[in-house]
Structures are given as C-alpha cells and as structure tokens.
C-alpha atoms as a PDB file:
ATOM      1  CA  MET A   1     -12.650  39.429  30.606  1.00  0.00           C
ATOM      2  CA  GLU A   2      -9.014  38.461  30.557  1.00  0.00           C
ATOM      3  CA  ARG A   3      -7.390  41.006  28.299  1.00  0.00           C
ATOM      4  CA  THR A   4      -7.899  44.632  27.386  1.00  0.00           C
ATOM      5  CA  SER A   5      -6.129  46.649  24.744  1.00  0.00           C
ATOM      6  CA  ILE A   6      -6.297  49.722  22.570  1.00  0.00           C
ATOM      7  CA  ALA A   7      -6.163  49.263  18.805  1.00  0.00           C
ATOM      8  CA  LEU A   8      -5.369  52.105  16.425  1.00  0.00           C
ATOM      9  CA  PHE A   9      -7.081  52.872  13.127  1.00  0.00           C
ATOM     10  CA  GLU A  10      -5.482  55.795  11.277  1.00  0.00           C
ATOM     11  CA  GLY A  11      -4.344  57.181  14.607  1.00  0.00           C
ATOM     12  CA  LYS A  12      -7.765  56.843  16.254  1.00  0.00           C
ATOM     13  CA  ARG A  13      -8.015  54.807  19.457  1.00  0.00           C
ATOM     14  CA  ILE A  14     -10.489  51.933  19.447  1.00  0.00           C
ATOM     15  CA  ARG A  15     -11.046  50.171  22.736  1.00  0.00           C
ATOM     16  CA  ARG A  16     -11.429  46.407  22.727  1.00  0.00           C
ATOM     17  CA  GLU A  17     -11.570  43.575  25.249  1.00  0.00           C
ATOM     18  CA  TYR A  18     -10.959  39.863  24.874  1.00  0.00           C
ATOM     19  CA  ASP A  19     -13.346  37.335  26.400  1.00  0.00           C
ATOM     20  CA  GLU A  20     -11.241  34.227  26.990  1.00  0.00           C
ATOM     21  CA  GLU A  21     -14.249  31.995  27.694  1.00  0.00           C
ATOM     22  CA  THR A  22     -15.827  32.589  24.289  1.00  0.00           C
ATOM     23  CA  GLU A  23     -12.515  33.534  22.608  1.00  0.00           C
ATOM     24  CA  THR A  24     -14.075  36.713  21.233  1.00  0.00           C
ATOM     25  CA  TRP A  25     -12.820  40.283  20.824  1.00  0.00           C
ATOM     26  CA  TRP A  26     -15.381  42.970  21.690  1.00  0.00           C
ATOM     27  CA  PHE A  27     -14.912  46.437  20.180  1.00  0.00           C
ATOM     28  CA  SER A  28     -16.331  49.731  21.453  1.00  0.00           C
ATOM     29  CA  VAL A  29     -19.110  50.656  19.027  1.00  0.00           C
ATOM     30  CA  VAL A  30     -18.784  54.394  19.691  1.00  0.00           C
ATOM     31  CA  ASP A  31     -15.058  54.257  18.941  1.00  0.00           C
ATOM     32  CA  VAL A  32     -15.686  52.481  15.644  1.00  0.00           C
ATOM     33  CA  ILE A  33     -18.429  54.981  14.771  1.00  0.00           C
ATOM     34  CA  ALA A  34     -16.063  57.858  15.532  1.00  0.00           C
ATOM     35  CA  ALA A  35     -13.502  56.370  13.147  1.00  0.00           C
ATOM     36  CA  LEU A  36     -16.136  55.754  10.463  1.00  0.00           C
ATOM     37  CA  ILE A  37     -17.494  59.300  10.457  1.00  0.00           C
ATOM     38  CA  ASP A  38     -14.082  60.812  11.213  1.00  0.00           C
ATOM     39  CA  GLN A  39     -15.476  62.513  14.314  1.00  0.00           C
ATOM     40  CA  PRO A  40     -12.883  63.496  16.983  1.00  0.00           C
ATOM     41  CA  ASP A  41     -15.575  64.638  19.434  1.00  0.00           C
ATOM     42  CA  PHE A  42     -16.617  61.660  21.566  1.00  0.00           C
ATOM     43  CA  GLN A  43     -20.000  63.123  22.495  1.00  0.00           C
ATOM     44  CA  ALA A  44     -20.851  63.777  18.842  1.00  0.00           C
ATOM     45  CA  ALA A  45     -19.939  60.192  17.929  1.00  0.00           C
ATOM     46  CA  ARG A  46     -21.992  58.961  20.876  1.00  0.00           C
ATOM     47  CA  ASN A  47     -25.019  60.966  19.723  1.00  0.00           C
ATOM     48  CA  TYR A  48     -24.597  59.630  16.166  1.00  0.00           C
ATOM     49  CA  TRP A  49     -24.628  56.058  17.511  1.00  0.00           C
ATOM     50  CA  LYS A  50     -27.664  56.823  19.703  1.00  0.00           C
ATOM     51  CA  VAL A  51     -29.664  57.998  16.676  1.00  0.00           C
ATOM     52  CA  LEU A  52     -28.432  55.124  14.496  1.00  0.00           C
ATOM     53  CA  LYS A  53     -29.197  52.554  17.198  1.00  0.00           C
ATOM     54  CA  ASN A  54     -32.730  53.918  17.560  1.00  0.00           C
ATOM     55  CA  ARG A  55     -33.281  53.734  13.786  1.00  0.00           C
ATOM     56  CA  LEU A  56     -31.899  50.222  13.500  1.00  0.00           C
ATOM     57  CA  GLY A  57     -34.014  49.130  16.459  1.00  0.00           C
ATOM     58  CA  LYS A  58     -37.187  50.403  14.804  1.00  0.00           C
ATOM     59  CA  GLU A  59     -36.196  48.550  11.633  1.00  0.00           C
ATOM     60  CA  GLY A  60     -35.888  45.336  13.624  1.00  0.00           C
ATOM     61  CA  SER A  61     -32.177  44.999  12.867  1.00  0.00           C
ATOM     62  CA  GLU A  62     -30.308  42.239  14.724  1.00  0.00           C
ATOM     63  CA  VAL A  63     -27.292  44.547  15.000  1.00  0.00           C
ATOM     64  CA  VAL A  64     -28.703  46.307  18.069  1.00  0.00           C
ATOM     65  CA  THR A  65     -29.788  43.128  19.854  1.00  0.00           C
ATOM     66  CA  LYS A  66     -26.372  41.545  19.297  1.00  0.00           C
ATOM     67  CA  CYS A  67     -24.515  44.422  20.922  1.00  0.00           C
ATOM     68  CA  ASN A  68     -23.484  43.955  24.556  1.00  0.00           C
ATOM     69  CA  GLN A  69     -22.328  46.358  27.255  1.00  0.00           C
ATOM     70  CA  LEU A  70     -18.958  46.216  28.991  1.00  0.00           C
ATOM     71  CA  LYS A  71     -17.100  48.512  31.333  1.00  0.00           C
ATOM     72  CA  MET A  72     -14.209  50.202  29.545  1.00  0.00           C
ATOM     73  CA  VAL A  73     -11.883  53.029  30.467  1.00  0.00           C
ATOM     74  CA  ALA A  74     -13.580  56.322  29.555  1.00  0.00           C
ATOM     75  CA  GLU A  75     -11.920  59.635  28.693  1.00  0.00           C
ATOM     76  CA  ASP A  76     -11.987  60.638  32.372  1.00  0.00           C
ATOM     77  CA  GLY A  77     -10.073  57.481  33.280  1.00  0.00           C
ATOM     78  CA  LYS A  78     -13.036  55.839  35.015  1.00  0.00           C
ATOM     79  CA  MET A  79     -14.566  52.482  34.088  1.00  0.00           C
ATOM     80  CA  ARG A  80     -17.907  53.106  32.425  1.00  0.00           C
ATOM     81  CA  PHE A  81     -20.348  50.904  30.543  1.00  0.00           C
ATOM     82  CA  THR A  82     -20.256  51.244  26.768  1.00  0.00           C
ATOM     83  CA  ASP A  83     -21.867  49.383  23.883  1.00  0.00           C
ATOM     84  CA  VAL A  84     -19.587  46.751  22.345  1.00  0.00           C
ATOM     85  CA  ALA A  85     -19.894  44.400  19.390  1.00  0.00           C
ATOM     86  CA  ASP A  86     -18.041  41.392  18.047  1.00  0.00           C
ATOM     87  CA  PRO A  87     -16.471  41.542  14.554  1.00  0.00           C
ATOM     88  CA  GLU A  88     -19.383  39.951  12.681  1.00  0.00           C
ATOM     89  CA  THR A  89     -21.866  42.376  14.246  1.00  0.00           C
ATOM     90  CA  LEU A  90     -19.516  45.266  13.455  1.00  0.00           C
ATOM     91  CA  LEU A  91     -19.406  44.190   9.830  1.00  0.00           C
ATOM     92  CA  ARG A  92     -23.182  44.564   9.611  1.00  0.00           C
ATOM     93  CA  LEU A  93     -23.097  47.832  11.520  1.00  0.00           C
ATOM     94  CA  ILE A  94     -20.482  49.341   9.220  1.00  0.00           C
ATOM     95  CA  GLN A  95     -22.749  48.645   6.258  1.00  0.00           C
ATOM     96  CA  SER A  96     -25.374  50.912   7.870  1.00  0.00           C
ATOM     97  CA  VAL A  97     -23.061  53.934   8.013  1.00  0.00           C
ATOM     98  CA  PRO A  98     -22.468  55.893   4.789  1.00  0.00           C
ATOM     99  CA  SER A  99     -18.759  56.541   5.017  1.00  0.00           C
ATOM    100  CA  PRO A 100     -15.691  56.460   2.753  1.00  0.00           C
ATOM    101  CA  LYS A 101     -13.941  54.840   5.725  1.00  0.00           C
ATOM    102  CA  ALA A 102     -16.145  51.736   5.550  1.00  0.00           C
ATOM    103  CA  GLU A 103     -13.895  49.609   3.349  1.00  0.00           C
ATOM    104  CA  PRO A 104     -10.626  50.715   5.016  1.00  0.00           C
ATOM    105  CA  ILE A 105     -11.973  49.876   8.457  1.00  0.00           C
ATOM    106  CA  LYS A 106     -13.147  46.456   7.262  1.00  0.00           C
ATOM    107  CA  LEU A 107      -9.640  45.764   6.026  1.00  0.00           C
ATOM    108  CA  TRP A 108      -8.219  47.084   9.278  1.00  0.00           C
ATOM    109  CA  LEU A 109     -10.413  44.744  11.321  1.00  0.00           C
ATOM    110  CA  ALA A 110      -9.168  41.840   9.233  1.00  0.00           C
ATOM    111  CA  LYS A 111      -5.556  42.886   9.801  1.00  0.00           C
ATOM    112  CA  VAL A 112      -5.985  43.024  13.584  1.00  0.00           C
ATOM    113  CA  GLY A 113      -7.060  39.422  13.644  1.00  0.00           C
ATOM    114  CA  TYR A 114     -10.393  38.958  11.940  1.00  0.00           C
ATOM    115  CA  GLU A 115      -9.825  37.096   8.715  1.00  0.00           C
ATOM    116  CA  ARG A 116     -13.136  35.502   9.701  1.00  0.00           C
ATOM    117  CA  MET A 117     -14.902  38.516   8.204  1.00  0.00           C
ATOM    118  CA  GLN A 118     -13.442  37.720   4.803  1.00  0.00           C
ATOM    119  CA  GLU A 119     -14.156  34.028   5.193  1.00  0.00           C
ATOM    120  CA  MET A 120     -17.856  34.660   5.763  1.00  0.00           C
ATOM    121  CA  ALA A 121     -18.092  35.098   1.997  1.00  0.00           C
ATOM    122  CA  ASP A 122     -15.731  32.201   1.223  1.00  0.00           C
ATOM    123  CA  PRO A 123     -15.536  29.605   4.051  1.00  0.00           C
ATOM    124  CA  ALA A 124     -13.083  27.471   2.037  1.00  0.00           C
ATOM    125  CA  ARG A 125     -10.413  30.116   2.666  1.00  0.00           C
ATOM    126  CA  SER A 126     -10.499  29.302   6.362  1.00  0.00           C
ATOM    127  CA  LEU A 127     -10.057  25.577   5.810  1.00  0.00           C
ATOM    128  CA  ASP A 128      -7.287  26.012   3.251  1.00  0.00           C
ATOM    129  CA  ARG A 129      -5.363  28.423   5.468  1.00  0.00           C
ATOM    130  CA  ALA A 130      -5.799  26.218   8.529  1.00  0.00           C
ATOM    131  CA  ARG A 131      -4.612  23.078   6.692  1.00  0.00           C
ATOM    132  CA  GLU A 132      -1.551  24.880   5.326  1.00  0.00           C
ATOM    133  CA  THR A 133      -0.677  26.292   8.751  1.00  0.00           C
ATOM    134  CA  TRP A 134      -1.050  22.940  10.496  1.00  0.00           C
ATOM    135  CA  GLN A 135       1.108  21.262   7.864  1.00  0.00           C
ATOM    136  CA  LYS A 136       3.837  23.857   8.355  1.00  0.00           C
ATOM    137  CA  HIS A 137       3.748  23.223  12.083  1.00  0.00           C
ATOM    138  CA  GLY A 138       4.217  19.517  11.730  1.00  0.00           C
ATOM    139  CA  ARG A 139       0.712  18.206  12.352  1.00  0.00           C
ATOM    140  CA  SER A 140       0.148  14.782  10.843  1.00  0.00           C
ATOM    141  CA  GLU A 141      -2.354  14.360   8.017  1.00  0.00           C
ATOM    142  CA  LYS A 142      -4.378  12.094  10.312  1.00  0.00           C
ATOM    143  CA  TRP A 143      -4.544  14.832  12.976  1.00  0.00           C
ATOM    144  CA  ILE A 144      -5.483  17.468  10.393  1.00  0.00           C
ATOM    145  CA  GLN A 145      -8.233  15.261   8.990  1.00  0.00           C
ATOM    146  CA  GLN A 146      -9.639  14.645  12.458  1.00  0.00           C
ATOM    147  CA  ARG A 147      -9.474  18.347  13.325  1.00  0.00           C
ATOM    148  CA  MET A 148     -11.377  19.319  10.197  1.00  0.00           C
ATOM    149  CA  MET A 149     -13.935  16.540  10.591  1.00  0.00           C
ATOM    150  CA  GLY A 150     -14.460  17.688  14.160  1.00  0.00           C
ATOM    151  CA  GLN A 151     -15.019  21.233  12.937  1.00  0.00           C
ATOM    152  CA  GLU A 152     -17.668  20.029  10.510  1.00  0.00           C
ATOM    153  CA  THR A 153     -19.390  18.178  13.349  1.00  0.00           C
ATOM    154  CA  ARG A 154     -19.212  21.335  15.432  1.00  0.00           C
ATOM    155  CA  ASN A 155     -20.673  23.454  12.633  1.00  0.00           C
ATOM    156  CA  LYS A 156     -23.669  21.134  12.270  1.00  0.00           C
ATOM    157  CA  LEU A 157     -24.338  21.409  15.992  1.00  0.00           C
ATOM    158  CA  THR A 158     -24.101  25.209  16.080  1.00  0.00           C
ATOM    159  CA  ASP A 159     -26.320  25.410  12.990  1.00  0.00           C
ATOM    160  CA  TYR A 160     -28.949  23.455  14.941  1.00  0.00           C
ATOM    161  CA  TRP A 161     -28.558  25.753  17.920  1.00  0.00           C
ATOM    162  CA  LYS A 162     -28.959  28.860  15.773  1.00  0.00           C
ATOM    163  CA  ASP A 163     -32.193  27.485  14.326  1.00  0.00           C
ATOM    164  CA  HIS A 164     -33.596  26.560  17.739  1.00  0.00           C
ATOM    165  CA  ASP A 165     -33.448  29.755  19.757  1.00  0.00           C
ATOM    166  CA  ILE A 166     -29.848  29.640  20.988  1.00  0.00           C
ATOM    167  CA  LYS A 167     -27.881  32.897  20.740  1.00  0.00           C
ATOM    168  CA  ASP A 168     -24.360  32.910  19.344  1.00  0.00           C
ATOM    169  CA  GLY A 169     -21.716  33.868  21.873  1.00  0.00           C
ATOM    170  CA  GLN A 170     -22.369  33.345  25.573  1.00  0.00           C
ATOM    171  CA  GLU A 171     -25.156  30.765  25.153  1.00  0.00           C
ATOM    172  CA  PHE A 172     -23.016  28.763  22.713  1.00  0.00           C
ATOM    173  CA  ALA A 173     -20.205  28.857  25.276  1.00  0.00           C
ATOM    174  CA  ILE A 174     -22.470  27.655  28.091  1.00  0.00           C
ATOM    175  CA  LEU A 175     -23.746  24.665  26.099  1.00  0.00           C
ATOM    176  CA  THR A 176     -20.252  23.856  24.837  1.00  0.00           C
ATOM    177  CA  ASN A 177     -18.960  23.806  28.393  1.00  0.00           C
ATOM    178  CA  ILE A 178     -21.778  21.496  29.509  1.00  0.00           C
ATOM    179  CA  ILE A 179     -20.894  19.021  26.753  1.00  0.00           C
ATOM    180  CA  HIS A 180     -17.181  19.258  27.477  1.00  0.00           C
ATOM    181  CA  SER A 181     -17.513  18.990  31.250  1.00  0.00           C
ATOM    182  CA  GLU A 182     -19.730  15.949  30.888  1.00  0.00           C
ATOM    183  CA  TRP A 183     -17.472  13.885  28.640  1.00  0.00           C
ATOM    184  CA  ALA A 184     -14.073  15.148  29.825  1.00  0.00           C
ATOM    185  CA  GLY A 185     -14.862  15.521  33.517  1.00  0.00           C
ATOM    186  CA  ILE A 186     -13.402  19.056  33.480  1.00  0.00           C
ATOM    187  CA  SER A 187     -14.491  22.415  32.092  1.00  0.00           C
ATOM    188  CA  VAL A 188     -13.090  23.934  28.910  1.00  0.00           C
ATOM    189  CA  GLN A 189     -11.074  26.431  30.953  1.00  0.00           C
ATOM    190  CA  ASP A 190      -9.643  23.746  33.244  1.00  0.00           C
ATOM    191  CA  HIS A 191      -8.703  21.683  30.191  1.00  0.00           C
ATOM    192  CA  LYS A 192      -6.853  24.705  28.788  1.00  0.00           C
ATOM    193  CA  LYS A 193      -5.051  25.203  32.105  1.00  0.00           C
ATOM    194  CA  ILE A 194      -3.888  21.584  32.107  1.00  0.00           C
ATOM    195  CA  LYS A 195      -2.371  22.168  28.672  1.00  0.00           C
ATOM    196  CA  GLY A 196      -0.840  25.490  29.689  1.00  0.00           C
ATOM    197  CA  LEU A 197      -2.970  27.479  27.230  1.00  0.00           C
ATOM    198  CA  LYS A 198      -4.178  31.061  27.599  1.00  0.00           C
ATOM    199  CA  THR A 199      -5.812  32.656  24.550  1.00  0.00           C
ATOM    200  CA  GLN A 200      -5.008  29.733  22.253  1.00  0.00           C
ATOM    201  CA  ASN A 201      -7.769  27.615  20.730  1.00  0.00           C
ATOM    202  CA  LEU A 202      -8.078  24.442  22.828  1.00  0.00           C
ATOM    203  CA  ARG A 203      -8.981  22.262  19.862  1.00  0.00           C
ATOM    204  CA  ASP A 204      -5.814  23.240  18.039  1.00  0.00           C
ATOM    205  CA  HIS A 205      -3.889  21.665  20.924  1.00  0.00           C
ATOM    206  CA  MET A 206      -5.922  18.501  21.411  1.00  0.00           C
ATOM    207  CA  SER A 207      -4.603  15.012  20.796  1.00  0.00           C
ATOM    208  CA  GLU A 208      -6.308  12.848  18.172  1.00  0.00           C
ATOM    209  CA  ALA A 209      -8.193  11.054  20.948  1.00  0.00           C
ATOM    210  CA  GLU A 210      -9.379  14.313  22.527  1.00  0.00           C
ATOM    211  CA  LEU A 211     -10.594  15.509  19.140  1.00  0.00           C
ATOM    212  CA  ILE A 212     -12.443  12.252  18.514  1.00  0.00           C
ATOM    213  CA  PHE A 213     -14.253  12.285  21.863  1.00  0.00           C
ATOM    214  CA  THR A 214     -15.121  15.963  21.458  1.00  0.00           C
ATOM    215  CA  ALA A 215     -16.645  15.194  18.054  1.00  0.00           C
ATOM    216  CA  LEU A 216     -18.507  12.154  19.428  1.00  0.00           C
ATOM    217  CA  ALA A 217     -19.969  14.264  22.240  1.00  0.00           C
ATOM    218  CA  GLU A 218     -21.075  17.031  19.876  1.00  0.00           C
ATOM    219  CA  MET A 219     -22.478  14.666  17.258  1.00  0.00           C
ATOM    220  CA  SER A 220     -24.419  12.812  19.965  1.00  0.00           C
ATOM    221  CA  THR A 221     -25.723  16.091  21.350  1.00  0.00           C
ATOM    222  CA  ARG A 222     -26.998  17.222  17.955  1.00  0.00           C
ATOM    223  CA  GLN A 223     -28.695  13.911  17.184  1.00  0.00           C
ATOM    224  CA  ILE A 224     -30.345  13.799  20.609  1.00  0.00           C
ATOM    225  CA  ALA A 225     -31.474  17.426  20.255  1.00  0.00           C
ATOM    226  CA  GLU A 226     -32.912  16.649  16.823  1.00  0.00           C
ATOM    227  CA  ALA A 227     -34.708  13.538  18.093  1.00  0.00           C
ATOM    228  CA  GLU A 228     -36.152  15.396  21.075  1.00  0.00           C
ATOM    229  CA  LYS A 229     -36.769  18.596  19.076  1.00  0.00           C
ATOM    230  CA  ALA A 230     -34.899  20.584  21.719  1.00  0.00           C
ATOM    231  CA  GLN A 231     -35.751  24.290  21.674  1.00  0.00           C
ATOM    232  CA  GLY A 232     -34.163  27.036  23.750  1.00  0.00           C
ATOM    233  CA  MET A 233     -31.538  26.864  26.470  1.00  0.00           C
ATOM    234  CA  ILE A 234     -33.321  24.635  28.994  1.00  0.00           C
ATOM    235  CA  GLU A 235     -34.035  21.809  26.554  1.00  0.00           C
ATOM    236  CA  ASN A 236     -30.674  22.091  24.820  1.00  0.00           C
ATOM    237  CA  LYS A 237     -28.861  21.966  28.162  1.00  0.00           C
ATOM    238  CA  VAL A 238     -30.507  18.591  28.749  1.00  0.00           C
ATOM    239  CA  ALA A 239     -29.518  17.364  25.272  1.00  0.00           C
ATOM    240  CA  SER A 240     -25.958  18.628  25.809  1.00  0.00           C
ATOM    241  CA  LYS A 241     -25.594  16.707  29.056  1.00  0.00           C
ATOM    242  CA  LYS A 242     -26.945  13.537  27.448  1.00  0.00           C
ATOM    243  CA  GLY A 243     -24.678  13.883  24.416  1.00  0.00           C
ATOM    244  CA  GLY A 244     -21.629  14.473  26.583  1.00  0.00           C
ATOM    245  CA  GLY A 245     -22.629  11.476  28.685  1.00  0.00           C
ATOM    246  CA  ILE A 246     -22.469   9.145  25.694  1.00  0.00           C
ATOM    247  CA  ALA A 247     -18.880  10.199  24.971  1.00  0.00           C
ATOM    248  CA  LYS A 248     -18.075   9.922  28.691  1.00  0.00           C
ATOM    249  CA  LYS A 249     -19.082   6.253  28.771  1.00  0.00           C
ATOM    250  CA  ALA A 250     -16.929   5.495  25.722  1.00  0.00           C
ATOM    251  CA  LYS A 251     -14.003   7.429  27.226  1.00  0.00           C
ATOM    252  CA  LEU A 252     -14.163   5.584  30.552  1.00  0.00           C
ATOM    253  CA  GLU A 253     -14.338   2.199  28.833  1.00  0.00           C
ATOM    254  CA  LEU A 254     -11.329   2.970  26.630  1.00  0.00           C
ATOM    255  CA  GLU A 255      -9.326   4.262  29.590  1.00  0.00           C
ATOM    256  CA  ALA A 256     -10.150   1.092  31.557  1.00  0.00           C
ATOM    257  CA  ARG A 257      -9.011  -1.156  28.703  1.00  0.00           C
ATOM    258  CA  THR A 258      -5.826   0.751  27.837  1.00  0.00           C
ATOM    259  CA  GLY A 259      -4.818   2.092  31.227  1.00  0.00           C
ATOM    260  CA  LYS A 260      -4.221   5.510  29.609  1.00  0.00           C
ATOM    261  CA  LYS A 261      -6.016   8.769  30.290  1.00  0.00           C
ATOM    262  CA  ILE A 262      -7.641  10.523  27.337  1.00  0.00           C
ATOM    263  CA  ILE A 263      -7.150  14.027  28.753  1.00  0.00           C
ATOM    264  CA  THR A 264      -3.502  14.966  28.361  1.00  0.00           C
ATOM    265  CA  LYS A 265      -1.351  17.983  29.173  1.00  0.00           C
ATOM    266  CA  ASP A 266       0.365  17.672  25.777  1.00  0.00           C
ATOM    267  CA  ASN A 267       0.095  20.695  23.480  1.00  0.00           C
ATOM    268  CA  TYR A 268       1.716  22.216  20.418  1.00  0.00           C
ATOM    269  CA  LEU A 269       3.092  25.334  22.088  1.00  0.00           C
ATOM    270  CA  SER A 270       6.604  24.348  21.125  1.00  0.00           C
ATOM    271  CA  ALA A 271       5.620  25.078  17.530  1.00  0.00           C
ATOM    272  CA  LYS A 272       5.061  28.642  16.323  1.00  0.00           C
ATOM    273  CA  THR A 273       1.525  29.709  17.222  1.00  0.00           C
ATOM    274  CA  PRO A 274      -0.689  29.588  14.082  1.00  0.00           C
ATOM    275  CA  ARG A 275      -1.709  32.993  12.765  1.00  0.00           C
ATOM    276  CA  LYS A 276      -5.145  31.647  11.988  1.00  0.00           C
ATOM    277  CA  GLN A 277      -7.115  29.146  14.031  1.00  0.00           C
ATOM    278  CA  LEU A 278     -10.570  27.736  13.467  1.00  0.00           C
ATOM    279  CA  ARG A 279     -13.061  28.874  16.047  1.00  0.00           C
ATOM    280  CA  PRO A 280     -14.634  26.249  18.287  1.00  0.00           C
END
C-alpha cells in the first residue's frame, strides 16, 4: 500500500487506502456502513456489518468473498485489521442496506474518483470521456486509436480470466505482471519508475510501440489460454508467460533491425493529468 487518506462524506470520516500495484482504492466497510445508517457509534456500525456480513454469506453473496482485510488506523490510534472493499464491491453492498443515504453515497463515491461505477451501466461513457480527454491533451488520433484498441484486447483477456477461475484484483495483477515482465523485460512497477510515474496509469503514458507490444502480448496470451483451455492461476500463469514470450521475440527482432529500444522513459506528465483514465 502506497497511499492512505481519509475521505469525508457529510462530515463522516471514511478511511481508504490506495494499492499502487493494482491501482485500486480500498474503503473501510464499517466506515461506509456507519455513513449509510447514520450511526456515530463505531461499535454499533461494526455490529451492524457483522450481522449483515453473516446474512450475505448465508445467501452466497459475492460481496463478502470480495472483501479484503487491511490494517488501518483505529480510533485508539493503533493499526488494526478491518474489512475493506473496492468501489464495485461497495456498490453491491450499498444495495443491501436500506438507507436514504444510499444514492447520496453512490454519488459521493463517484465524485471522489469512481466514475467507473456510473460507467458499469454505460461503458461508452468511459470511452467517450477518455477520447475527449486525450484529444485535449494533445494525443494524436493514431495514439488514441491504438490505446482504445489495446483496451479492447485487454477486456477480452480479462473476460476470459473471469470465466476461468481467476479473481479480479490481485490475481489479475499477478498475471498482468507476468505478461509484462516477459515481453518488456521489466515489471509493471519498474516500467512506471522508468517513466517517472507514481499513481498514474502506465498505459496512458506508453508510446505507440509500447501499446502495440502490450496488446500483442495480451492477445497472444488469450489465444493460447483459449487453445489450451487454461483454468485457474497455475495454467493461466503458463499461458501468460507464453503469450508474453511471443511479443518478446517480436520486440527483440524490431530492436535489432532499428537499433532503437521499445521501452522508453517518455511520458505525458508535461500535460495536465487526465481526470479520468481507463483501467488496465
């Protein structure tokens, strides 16, 4: 975890932490529950969540299984484990709590950086906003086209993963890093460091060539996984390494013929950081 902060909803403190590896905000579930039921007593909100979690678990809801635990600063100032959830899981959780605060808190989550929750119902909004932002920041139409085509390739791969026993979040990040490390020769985080990035989306700062090789690696991975009927992490790790390897061979051959490295430190930090970025 690289960043911690306190967000405020109608004066109520909601703890959250940012995972730089997966580029995900995690919110304290108890804090969100307290805001939903307008409960100032932490223990009462905690008990409410305990009962709700038990009920949802018996119902077989994915909400409970998708919650994680992180150490956050408690009321006594000590670091204690607490249940946390990403925005999409929170959206489902909020729907399980009868509260007049449900809609306001959904809007609040969007305002603090989760337009993604709105775009779940209308994915075209994400693409339209991203294209407009990139145009304003001087990206060429060729770059924008490649970025969006790469996103479509990425979506097809993650759709395969979801259908073959791979969990969104950490497992996606692990497989993504295997693919990236194989074709690029460096991890996602090292690639970001080379470009001087912190919380920014790496793909939004890639060159056209980097985008193309990323897409080739992910397309190859998906097609290999489909051909081998890869299921679960072990088999998909193998497919990811093979897919990345195909892009690696093409990268090395191009570098040998042109004398230019594909991985570059160039970025778009000189432009105003986009308010909305597509997720990897």
